[in-house]
Amino acid sequence: MLTCIIRYHIDPTKRLAFAHYARNWGVAIPRCGADLVGYYAPHEGSATLAYGIYNIDSLAAYEAYRARLAEDPLGRQNFAFAERECFVMREDRTFLRRVDAPPERAVSRTEEGRIDAFA
């Protein structure tokens, strides 16, 4: 499982447009196959940083998801909306792999007694 963290630099005068964009992704992203954690807009501190976070099984699954998103009517509408309204000034994606033991997974010990969080 990979977590994709999208860091957006947004126009602070267009926060409402970003919120609309985020709500649309809240429908389209799960429909196209990713597990959406959420979209986060500035509240305190930086007025320009926002985040979108979702989980995906693998990079291969990500490529298939992106293809579905590009064909999804709401996905296409949302891409066009962002381009037309120019509220996203920069967008970066980072893929991370969780390395702690999630609560739902058992932690086992190797033969040497070390903890194996990937059991």
N, C-alpha and C. Protein backbone atom coordinates (compact mmCIF):
# COMPACT_ATOMS: atom_id res chain seq x y z
N MET A 1 0.84 -1.17 0.00
CA MET A 1 0.00 0.00 0.00
C MET A 1 0.89 1.24 0.00
N LEU A 2 0.55 2.17 -0.87
CA LEU A 2 1.25 3.45 -0.95
C LEU A 2 0.28 4.57 -0.59
N THR A 3 0.82 5.62 -0.01
CA THR A 3 0.04 6.82 0.25
C THR A 3 0.57 7.92 -0.63
N CYS A 4 -0.31 8.52 -1.40
CA CYS A 4 0.05 9.65 -2.25
C CYS A 4 -0.35 10.92 -1.52
N ILE A 5 0.63 11.79 -1.35
CA ILE A 5 0.37 13.09 -0.74
C ILE A 5 0.60 14.14 -1.81
N ILE A 6 -0.46 14.84 -2.14
CA ILE A 6 -0.37 15.91 -3.14
C ILE A 6 -0.27 17.23 -2.36
N ARG A 7 0.81 17.94 -2.60
CA ARG A 7 0.98 19.25 -1.97
C ARG A 7 0.65 20.30 -3.02
N TYR A 8 -0.32 21.13 -2.70
CA TYR A 8 -0.74 22.19 -3.59
C TYR A 8 -0.25 23.53 -3.05
N HIS A 9 0.21 24.38 -3.91
CA HIS A 9 0.41 25.79 -3.60
C HIS A 9 -0.74 26.49 -4.31
N ILE A 10 -1.62 27.10 -3.51
CA ILE A 10 -2.82 27.68 -4.08
C ILE A 10 -2.82 29.20 -3.92
N ASP A 11 -3.60 29.84 -4.76
CA ASP A 11 -3.82 31.28 -4.67
C ASP A 11 -4.68 31.51 -3.42
N PRO A 12 -4.17 32.23 -2.43
CA PRO A 12 -4.94 32.40 -1.18
C PRO A 12 -6.24 33.18 -1.36
N THR A 13 -6.38 33.88 -2.46
CA THR A 13 -7.63 34.61 -2.69
C THR A 13 -8.69 33.72 -3.34
N LYS A 14 -8.32 32.46 -3.63
CA LYS A 14 -9.25 31.55 -4.30
C LYS A 14 -9.47 30.28 -3.50
N ARG A 15 -9.51 30.41 -2.18
CA ARG A 15 -9.72 29.25 -1.30
C ARG A 15 -11.06 28.56 -1.56
N LEU A 16 -12.09 29.34 -1.85
CA LEU A 16 -13.40 28.74 -2.12
C LEU A 16 -13.37 27.88 -3.38
N ALA A 17 -12.64 28.33 -4.39
CA ALA A 17 -12.51 27.53 -5.61
C ALA A 17 -11.78 26.22 -5.30
N PHE A 18 -10.74 26.29 -4.46
CA PHE A 18 -10.03 25.06 -4.09
C PHE A 18 -10.96 24.12 -3.31
N ALA A 19 -11.77 24.66 -2.43
CA ALA A 19 -12.71 23.83 -1.66
C ALA A 19 -13.70 23.12 -2.59
N HIS A 20 -14.18 23.81 -3.60
CA HIS A 20 -15.08 23.21 -4.59
C HIS A 20 -14.36 22.07 -5.32
N TYR A 21 -13.15 22.33 -5.74
CA TYR A 21 -12.29 21.35 -6.42
C TYR A 21 -12.10 20.11 -5.53
N ALA A 22 -11.80 20.33 -4.25
CA ALA A 22 -11.59 19.23 -3.32
C ALA A 22 -12.85 18.39 -3.15
N ARG A 23 -14.00 19.05 -3.02
CA ARG A 23 -15.26 18.29 -2.88
C ARG A 23 -15.52 17.41 -4.11
N ASN A 24 -15.21 17.93 -5.30
CA ASN A 24 -15.37 17.11 -6.51
C ASN A 24 -14.47 15.89 -6.48
N TRP A 25 -13.22 16.07 -6.04
CA TRP A 25 -12.32 14.92 -5.94
C TRP A 25 -12.82 13.93 -4.89
N GLY A 26 -13.53 14.43 -3.89
CA GLY A 26 -14.10 13.54 -2.88
C GLY A 26 -15.08 12.53 -3.45
N VAL A 27 -15.65 12.84 -4.59
CA VAL A 27 -16.54 11.92 -5.29
C VAL A 27 -15.76 11.11 -6.33
N ALA A 28 -14.97 11.79 -7.15
CA ALA A 28 -14.31 11.14 -8.29
C ALA A 28 -13.18 10.18 -7.88
N ILE A 29 -12.38 10.55 -6.91
CA ILE A 29 -11.22 9.72 -6.54
C ILE A 29 -11.65 8.33 -6.07
N PRO A 30 -12.57 8.21 -5.10
CA PRO A 30 -12.98 6.86 -4.70
C PRO A 30 -13.65 6.09 -5.84
N ARG A 31 -14.43 6.78 -6.65
CA ARG A 31 -15.11 6.13 -7.77
C ARG A 31 -14.11 5.53 -8.76
N CYS A 32 -12.93 6.14 -8.86
CA CYS A 32 -11.92 5.68 -9.82
C CYS A 32 -10.92 4.69 -9.22
N GLY A 33 -11.06 4.38 -7.92
CA GLY A 33 -10.28 3.28 -7.38
C GLY A 33 -9.25 3.58 -6.31
N ALA A 34 -9.16 4.80 -5.84
CA ALA A 34 -8.22 5.09 -4.74
C ALA A 34 -9.00 5.30 -3.45
N ASP A 35 -8.32 5.07 -2.34
CA ASP A 35 -8.91 5.23 -1.01
C ASP A 35 -8.58 6.63 -0.52
N LEU A 36 -9.52 7.56 -0.67
CA LEU A 36 -9.28 8.95 -0.30
C LEU A 36 -9.25 9.12 1.21
N VAL A 37 -8.16 9.69 1.71
CA VAL A 37 -8.07 10.06 3.12
C VAL A 37 -8.73 11.42 3.30
N GLY A 38 -8.41 12.38 2.41
CA GLY A 38 -9.07 13.68 2.48
C GLY A 38 -8.29 14.77 1.80
N TYR A 39 -8.94 15.91 1.69
CA TYR A 39 -8.34 17.13 1.18
C TYR A 39 -8.30 18.15 2.31
N TYR A 40 -7.21 18.88 2.39
CA TYR A 40 -6.99 19.81 3.50
C TYR A 40 -6.60 21.17 2.95
N ALA A 41 -7.31 22.19 3.40
CA ALA A 41 -7.08 23.57 2.95
C ALA A 41 -6.45 24.37 4.09
N PRO A 42 -5.80 25.48 3.75
CA PRO A 42 -5.18 26.31 4.79
C PRO A 42 -6.20 26.78 5.83
N HIS A 43 -5.73 26.81 7.06
CA HIS A 43 -6.57 27.34 8.15
C HIS A 43 -5.78 28.34 8.99
N GLU A 44 -4.62 27.93 9.45
CA GLU A 44 -3.76 28.79 10.27
C GLU A 44 -2.35 28.61 9.76
N GLY A 45 -1.55 29.62 9.84
CA GLY A 45 -0.18 29.52 9.32
C GLY A 45 -0.15 29.88 7.85
N SER A 46 0.41 29.02 7.04
CA SER A 46 0.50 29.29 5.60
C SER A 46 -0.89 29.43 4.99
N ALA A 47 -1.04 30.41 4.18
CA ALA A 47 -2.31 30.63 3.48
C ALA A 47 -2.30 30.02 2.09
N THR A 48 -1.18 29.41 1.71
CA THR A 48 -1.06 28.92 0.34
C THR A 48 -0.87 27.41 0.22
N LEU A 49 -0.64 26.69 1.32
CA LEU A 49 -0.42 25.25 1.24
C LEU A 49 -1.70 24.48 1.51
N ALA A 50 -1.99 23.52 0.64
CA ALA A 50 -3.13 22.63 0.79
C ALA A 50 -2.67 21.22 0.41
N TYR A 51 -3.41 20.21 0.87
CA TYR A 51 -3.00 18.83 0.64
C TYR A 51 -4.18 17.96 0.25
N GLY A 52 -3.90 16.98 -0.59
CA GLY A 52 -4.82 15.90 -0.90
C GLY A 52 -4.09 14.61 -0.59
N ILE A 53 -4.74 13.69 0.10
CA ILE A 53 -4.08 12.45 0.53
C ILE A 53 -4.97 11.26 0.21
N TYR A 54 -4.38 10.26 -0.44
CA TYR A 54 -5.13 9.03 -0.70
C TYR A 54 -4.17 7.85 -0.72
N ASN A 55 -4.75 6.67 -0.54
CA ASN A 55 -3.99 5.42 -0.56
C ASN A 55 -4.29 4.68 -1.85
N ILE A 56 -3.28 3.96 -2.32
CA ILE A 56 -3.39 3.16 -3.55
C ILE A 56 -2.52 1.93 -3.36
N ASP A 57 -2.90 0.81 -3.95
CA ASP A 57 -2.20 -0.44 -3.73
C ASP A 57 -0.76 -0.46 -4.22
N SER A 58 -0.50 0.13 -5.37
CA SER A 58 0.84 0.06 -5.97
C SER A 58 0.97 1.15 -7.04
N LEU A 59 2.17 1.30 -7.57
CA LEU A 59 2.35 2.27 -8.67
C LEU A 59 1.61 1.81 -9.92
N ALA A 60 1.53 0.51 -10.14
CA ALA A 60 0.75 0.00 -11.28
C ALA A 60 -0.74 0.34 -11.10
N ALA A 61 -1.25 0.17 -9.88
CA ALA A 61 -2.64 0.53 -9.60
C ALA A 61 -2.84 2.04 -9.76
N TYR A 62 -1.83 2.82 -9.40
CA TYR A 62 -1.90 4.28 -9.56
C TYR A 62 -2.05 4.65 -11.04
N GLU A 63 -1.28 4.00 -11.91
CA GLU A 63 -1.36 4.31 -13.33
C GLU A 63 -2.75 3.99 -13.88
N ALA A 64 -3.32 2.85 -13.46
CA ALA A 64 -4.67 2.48 -13.90
C ALA A 64 -5.70 3.46 -13.34
N TYR A 65 -5.53 3.86 -12.10
CA TYR A 65 -6.42 4.84 -11.46
C TYR A 65 -6.38 6.17 -12.21
N ARG A 66 -5.18 6.65 -12.54
CA ARG A 66 -5.05 7.93 -13.25
C ARG A 66 -5.73 7.87 -14.62
N ALA A 67 -5.64 6.73 -15.30
CA ALA A 67 -6.31 6.58 -16.59
C ALA A 67 -7.83 6.64 -16.41
N ARG A 68 -8.35 5.97 -15.37
CA ARG A 68 -9.79 6.04 -15.11
C ARG A 68 -10.22 7.46 -14.75
N LEU A 69 -9.40 8.14 -13.95
CA LEU A 69 -9.72 9.51 -13.53
C LEU A 69 -9.77 10.45 -14.74
N ALA A 70 -8.87 10.25 -15.68
CA ALA A 70 -8.83 11.09 -16.88
C ALA A 70 -10.07 10.89 -17.76
N GLU A 71 -10.71 9.73 -17.65
CA GLU A 71 -11.91 9.43 -18.43
C GLU A 71 -13.20 9.70 -17.66
N ASP A 72 -13.10 9.88 -16.36
CA ASP A 72 -14.27 10.11 -15.52
C ASP A 72 -14.86 11.49 -15.83
N PRO A 73 -16.18 11.60 -16.05
CA PRO A 73 -16.77 12.91 -16.39
C PRO A 73 -16.48 13.99 -15.33
N LEU A 74 -16.64 13.66 -14.06
CA LEU A 74 -16.37 14.65 -13.01
C LEU A 74 -14.87 14.95 -12.92
N GLY A 75 -14.04 13.93 -13.11
CA GLY A 75 -12.59 14.15 -13.12
C GLY A 75 -12.19 15.11 -14.22
N ARG A 76 -12.71 14.88 -15.41
CA ARG A 76 -12.39 15.78 -16.54
C ARG A 76 -12.89 17.18 -16.28
N GLN A 77 -14.09 17.29 -15.73
CA GLN A 77 -14.67 18.60 -15.41
C GLN A 77 -13.80 19.30 -14.36
N ASN A 78 -13.31 18.57 -13.38
CA ASN A 78 -12.51 19.17 -12.32
C ASN A 78 -11.14 19.62 -12.83
N PHE A 79 -10.52 18.81 -13.69
CA PHE A 79 -9.25 19.24 -14.29
C PHE A 79 -9.45 20.56 -15.06
N ALA A 80 -10.53 20.62 -15.84
CA ALA A 80 -10.81 21.83 -16.62
C ALA A 80 -11.11 23.03 -15.72
N PHE A 81 -11.84 22.78 -14.63
CA PHE A 81 -12.16 23.85 -13.68
C PHE A 81 -10.88 24.44 -13.09
N ALA A 82 -9.96 23.59 -12.66
CA ALA A 82 -8.70 24.07 -12.08
C ALA A 82 -7.89 24.86 -13.10
N GLU A 83 -7.86 24.38 -14.32
CA GLU A 83 -7.11 25.08 -15.37
C GLU A 83 -7.74 26.44 -15.67
N ARG A 84 -9.05 26.48 -15.75
CA ARG A 84 -9.76 27.72 -16.08
C ARG A 84 -9.65 28.76 -14.95
N GLU A 85 -9.77 28.32 -13.70
CA GLU A 85 -9.81 29.25 -12.56
C GLU A 85 -8.43 29.62 -12.02
N CYS A 86 -7.41 28.87 -12.38
CA CYS A 86 -6.01 29.18 -12.02
C CYS A 86 -5.77 29.36 -10.52
N PHE A 87 -6.39 28.53 -9.70
CA PHE A 87 -6.16 28.63 -8.26
C PHE A 87 -5.03 27.74 -7.79
N VAL A 88 -4.64 26.74 -8.58
CA VAL A 88 -3.50 25.89 -8.24
C VAL A 88 -2.27 26.49 -8.94
N MET A 89 -1.34 26.97 -8.13
CA MET A 89 -0.13 27.58 -8.69
C MET A 89 0.96 26.53 -8.88
N ARG A 90 0.95 25.49 -8.06
CA ARG A 90 1.93 24.41 -8.15
C ARG A 90 1.34 23.18 -7.49
N GLU A 91 1.71 22.01 -8.01
CA GLU A 91 1.20 20.74 -7.49
C GLU A 91 2.34 19.73 -7.51
N ASP A 92 2.62 19.12 -6.35
CA ASP A 92 3.67 18.11 -6.24
C ASP A 92 3.09 16.84 -5.63
N ARG A 93 3.50 15.69 -6.14
CA ARG A 93 3.07 14.40 -5.59
C ARG A 93 4.26 13.67 -4.97
N THR A 94 4.01 13.10 -3.81
CA THR A 94 4.99 12.26 -3.14
C THR A 94 4.29 10.95 -2.78
N PHE A 95 4.96 9.84 -3.04
CA PHE A 95 4.42 8.53 -2.68
C PHE A 95 5.22 7.99 -1.50
N LEU A 96 4.51 7.64 -0.45
CA LEU A 96 5.14 7.13 0.77
C LEU A 96 4.59 5.75 1.08
N ARG A 97 5.42 4.95 1.72
CA ARG A 97 5.01 3.62 2.18
C ARG A 97 5.01 3.65 3.70
N ARG A 98 3.92 3.22 4.31
CA ARG A 98 3.81 3.21 5.76
C ARG A 98 4.77 2.17 6.34
N VAL A 99 5.54 2.56 7.33
CA VAL A 99 6.53 1.65 7.89
C VAL A 99 6.27 1.29 9.35
N ASP A 100 5.32 1.95 9.99
CA ASP A 100 4.96 1.50 11.33
C ASP A 100 3.93 0.39 11.20
N ALA A 101 3.60 -0.25 12.27
CA ALA A 101 2.62 -1.33 12.22
C ALA A 101 1.22 -0.75 12.45
N PRO A 102 0.38 -0.76 11.42
CA PRO A 102 -0.98 -0.26 11.60
C PRO A 102 -1.69 -1.10 12.67
N PRO A 103 -2.62 -0.53 13.40
CA PRO A 103 -3.29 -1.26 14.48
C PRO A 103 -3.94 -2.57 14.04
N GLU A 104 -4.42 -2.63 12.81
CA GLU A 104 -5.13 -3.84 12.36
C GLU A 104 -4.18 -4.96 11.93
N ARG A 105 -2.88 -4.70 11.92
CA ARG A 105 -1.92 -5.72 11.50
C ARG A 105 -1.15 -6.24 12.70
N ALA A 106 -0.95 -7.53 12.73
CA ALA A 106 -0.17 -8.13 13.82
C ALA A 106 1.31 -7.86 13.61
N VAL A 107 1.99 -7.66 14.70
CA VAL A 107 3.44 -7.51 14.67
C VAL A 107 4.02 -8.85 15.08
N SER A 108 4.92 -9.39 14.30
CA SER A 108 5.53 -10.68 14.63
C SER A 108 7.01 -10.48 14.92
N ARG A 109 7.61 -11.53 15.42
CA ARG A 109 9.04 -11.49 15.72
C ARG A 109 9.76 -12.46 14.79
N THR A 110 10.95 -12.04 14.35
CA THR A 110 11.77 -12.92 13.52
C THR A 110 12.39 -13.98 14.42
N GLU A 111 13.06 -14.95 13.81
CA GLU A 111 13.72 -16.01 14.59
C GLU A 111 14.75 -15.43 15.56
N GLU A 112 15.34 -14.30 15.19
CA GLU A 112 16.34 -13.66 16.04
C GLU A 112 15.70 -12.82 17.13
N GLY A 113 14.37 -12.73 17.15
CA GLY A 113 13.68 -11.96 18.17
C GLY A 113 13.39 -10.52 17.80
N ARG A 114 13.84 -10.09 16.61
CA ARG A 114 13.54 -8.71 16.18
C ARG A 114 12.07 -8.61 15.76
N ILE A 115 11.53 -7.42 15.95
CA ILE A 115 10.15 -7.17 15.55
C ILE A 115 10.09 -6.99 14.03
N ASP A 116 9.15 -7.67 13.40
CA ASP A 116 8.92 -7.54 11.97
C ASP A 116 7.57 -6.88 11.78
N ALA A 117 7.58 -5.57 11.48
CA ALA A 117 6.33 -4.82 11.34
C ALA A 117 5.62 -5.08 10.01
N PHE A 118 6.24 -5.88 9.15
CA PHE A 118 5.64 -6.13 7.83
C PHE A 118 5.06 -7.53 7.73
N ALA A 119 4.78 -8.16 8.83
CA ALA A 119 4.24 -9.53 8.80
C ALA A 119 2.83 -9.53 8.29
